[in-house]
Amino acid sequence: MASTYNTIILDEPFKHLKGHDANQRVLDMVNEVSKKLNIQIIMISDERIPKEDIIASADKVFEISIKDGKTIVK
């Protein structure tokens, strides 16, 4: 029997926030919601918060860029 997972996808949730503290509070909130509700969160970010803070809070991070017309996933 296949397992099912609840998932939320957030597209640039920090887009309208200003300042590191506000961005960090939202990142902490996203983590708390994920843990309390036992859901997977996939988040797209344009790094309005330092990448190191996102990496420290995430289970897995994929960095996607385009070089010479080719998509690169790290």
Protein backbone atom coordinates (compact mmCIF):
# COMPACT_ATOMS: atom_id res chain seq x y z
CA MET A 1 0.00 0.00 0.00
CA ALA A 2 1.40 3.38 -0.99
CA SER A 3 1.96 6.06 1.61
CA THR A 4 0.49 9.49 1.12
CA TYR A 5 2.06 12.71 2.28
CA ASN A 6 0.49 16.08 2.73
CA THR A 7 2.51 18.73 0.97
CA ILE A 8 2.41 22.51 0.81
CA ILE A 9 4.27 24.39 -1.93
CA LEU A 10 5.32 27.95 -1.09
CA ASP A 11 6.47 30.19 -3.92
CA GLU A 12 8.72 32.94 -2.55
CA PRO A 13 6.97 33.30 0.83
CA PHE A 14 9.44 36.01 1.87
CA LYS A 15 8.85 38.21 -1.18
CA HIS A 16 7.13 41.10 0.65
CA LEU A 17 9.00 40.95 3.94
CA LYS A 18 11.65 43.48 4.86
CA GLY A 19 14.60 42.84 7.09
CA HIS A 20 16.38 39.73 8.26
CA ASP A 21 14.37 39.40 11.49
CA ALA A 22 11.00 39.28 9.71
CA ASN A 23 12.32 36.76 7.20
CA GLN A 24 13.80 34.58 9.94
CA ARG A 25 10.50 34.59 11.87
CA VAL A 26 8.65 33.35 8.78
CA LEU A 27 11.27 30.66 8.18
CA ASP A 28 10.90 29.54 11.80
CA MET A 29 7.11 29.53 11.43
CA VAL A 30 7.30 27.41 8.26
CA ASN A 31 9.47 24.89 10.13
CA GLU A 32 7.11 24.81 13.09
CA VAL A 33 4.04 24.28 10.87
CA SER A 34 5.82 21.47 9.03
CA LYS A 35 6.73 19.67 12.24
CA LYS A 36 3.46 20.18 14.12
CA LEU A 37 1.25 19.15 11.20
CA ASN A 38 3.68 16.51 9.92
CA ILE A 39 3.61 17.88 6.39
CA GLN A 40 6.26 18.28 3.75
CA ILE A 41 6.90 21.85 2.63
CA ILE A 42 8.49 22.62 -0.71
CA MET A 43 9.63 26.22 -0.84
CA ILE A 44 10.88 28.30 -3.73
CA SER A 45 13.10 31.16 -2.57
CA ASP A 46 14.91 33.99 -4.26
CA GLU A 47 17.14 34.27 -1.18
CA ARG A 48 15.76 37.32 0.59
CA ILE A 49 17.07 35.53 3.63
CA PRO A 50 20.68 34.26 3.70
CA LYS A 51 21.07 30.91 1.97
CA GLU A 52 22.85 29.59 5.06
CA ASP A 53 19.73 30.20 7.18
CA ILE A 54 17.56 28.33 4.69
CA ILE A 55 20.03 25.43 4.53
CA ALA A 56 20.19 25.25 8.34
CA SER A 57 16.40 24.99 8.52
CA ALA A 58 15.84 22.57 5.65
CA ASP A 59 16.04 18.81 5.34
CA LYS A 60 17.19 19.12 1.73
CA VAL A 61 18.07 22.06 -0.52
CA PHE A 62 18.30 22.14 -4.30
CA GLU A 63 19.92 25.14 -5.93
CA ILE A 64 18.80 25.66 -9.52
CA SER A 65 20.50 27.97 -12.00
CA ILE A 66 20.77 28.38 -15.75
CA LYS A 67 24.13 28.55 -17.50
CA ASP A 68 24.55 28.69 -21.26
CA GLY A 69 20.87 27.85 -21.67
CA LYS A 70 21.12 24.67 -19.55
CA THR A 71 19.48 24.10 -16.19
CA ILE A 72 21.92 23.16 -13.43
CA VAL A 73 20.67 21.52 -10.23
CA LYS A 74 23.03 21.31 -7.25
